Protein backbone atom coordinates (compact mmCIF):
# COMPACT_ATOMS: atom_id res chain seq x y z
CA MET A 1 5.33 -16.38 -1.93
CA VAL A 2 4.91 -13.61 0.68
CA LYS A 3 2.54 -10.67 0.74
CA LEU A 4 2.86 -7.15 2.10
CA VAL A 5 -0.53 -5.68 3.10
CA VAL A 6 -1.12 -1.94 3.54
CA LEU A 7 -4.48 -0.76 4.90
CA PHE A 8 -5.61 2.83 4.37
CA ARG A 9 -7.83 4.23 7.13
CA GLN A 10 -11.01 6.17 6.49
CA THR A 11 -10.60 9.90 7.07
CA ASP A 12 -13.16 12.34 8.41
CA THR A 13 -12.80 14.46 5.31
CA HIS A 14 -11.76 12.94 2.02
CA ALA A 15 -9.42 15.72 0.89
CA ALA A 16 -7.77 15.99 -2.51
CA SER A 17 -4.39 16.00 -0.77
CA TYR A 18 -5.18 12.56 0.67
CA ASP A 19 -6.06 11.22 -2.80
CA GLN A 20 -2.81 12.64 -4.13
CA GLN A 21 -0.80 10.97 -1.34
CA TYR A 22 -2.56 7.64 -1.98
CA ASN A 23 -1.91 7.82 -5.74
CA GLU A 24 1.74 8.82 -5.24
CA PHE A 25 2.22 5.82 -2.96
CA LEU A 26 0.77 3.46 -5.59
CA ILE A 27 3.08 4.86 -8.26
CA LYS A 28 6.12 4.50 -5.99
CA LEU A 29 5.07 0.99 -4.98
CA ASP A 30 5.32 -0.06 -8.64
CA ARG A 31 9.05 0.72 -8.53
CA LEU A 32 9.81 -1.86 -5.81
CA PRO A 33 12.37 -4.35 -7.07
CA GLY A 34 11.24 -7.97 -7.11
CA MET A 35 7.53 -7.30 -6.73
CA ARG A 36 5.62 -9.97 -8.66
CA ARG A 37 2.08 -8.66 -8.38
CA LYS A 38 0.08 -5.81 -6.87
CA ALA A 39 -3.60 -5.81 -5.94
CA VAL A 40 -5.54 -2.67 -4.98
CA CYS A 41 -9.00 -3.06 -3.45
CA SER A 42 -11.61 -0.62 -2.22
CA VAL A 43 -13.21 -1.53 1.11
CA TYR A 44 -16.91 -0.78 1.59
CA SER A 45 -17.92 -2.82 4.65
CA GLY A 46 -17.21 -6.01 6.53
CA PRO A 47 -19.37 -8.87 7.85
CA GLY A 48 -20.26 -6.72 10.87
CA GLY A 49 -20.91 -3.54 8.88
CA PHE A 50 -18.62 -0.51 9.04
CA VAL A 51 -14.86 -0.97 8.79
CA PRO A 52 -12.34 1.83 9.46
CA PHE A 53 -10.53 1.30 6.14
CA HIS A 54 -11.25 2.54 2.64
CA ALA A 55 -8.54 0.72 0.69
CA LEU A 56 -6.28 -2.32 0.86
CA VAL A 57 -3.08 -2.72 -1.14
CA GLU A 58 -1.27 -6.06 -1.47
CA ALA A 59 2.23 -6.49 -2.89
CA TYR A 60 3.52 -10.02 -3.58
CA PHE A 61 7.13 -11.21 -3.52
CA ASP A 62 8.79 -14.59 -4.13
CA HIS A 63 10.24 -14.95 -0.62
CA PRO A 64 10.79 -12.98 2.60
CA ASP A 65 14.31 -11.94 1.57
CA ALA A 66 12.93 -10.36 -1.64
CA LEU A 67 10.37 -8.43 0.42
CA GLN A 68 13.05 -7.22 2.84
CA ALA A 69 15.33 -6.19 -0.02
CA ALA A 70 12.48 -4.28 -1.69
CA LEU A 71 11.52 -2.43 1.49
CA THR A 72 15.10 -1.38 2.24
CA SER A 73 15.87 -0.37 -1.36
CA PRO A 74 15.81 3.33 -2.31
CA ALA A 75 12.43 2.75 -4.02
CA GLY A 76 11.07 1.06 -0.89
CA VAL A 77 12.22 3.87 1.37
CA GLU A 78 10.64 6.40 -0.99
CA ALA A 79 7.33 4.47 -1.00
CA GLY A 80 7.41 4.29 2.80
CA GLN A 81 8.01 8.01 3.04
CA ALA A 82 4.97 8.60 0.83
CA LEU A 83 2.85 6.82 3.45
CA ILE A 84 3.90 9.06 6.30
CA ALA A 85 4.07 12.36 4.40
């Protein structure tokens, strides 16, 4: 099993547009072919205190080829575009 990890950085202002982008990404991530499981976690702090991330998303696949196929599929490209929009 392999895992794709996406970390979402803290922003200076938590705008509604950022929440919308985050939610759209999660919806598009669900469409990835071959994804076995998804975990979404909020990040509050680390062992040393502040961390620059507010969320962590993990997507699990059976093997590296399944991950590569998912990321290069139309659904994977669309999810990736949602991250950089």
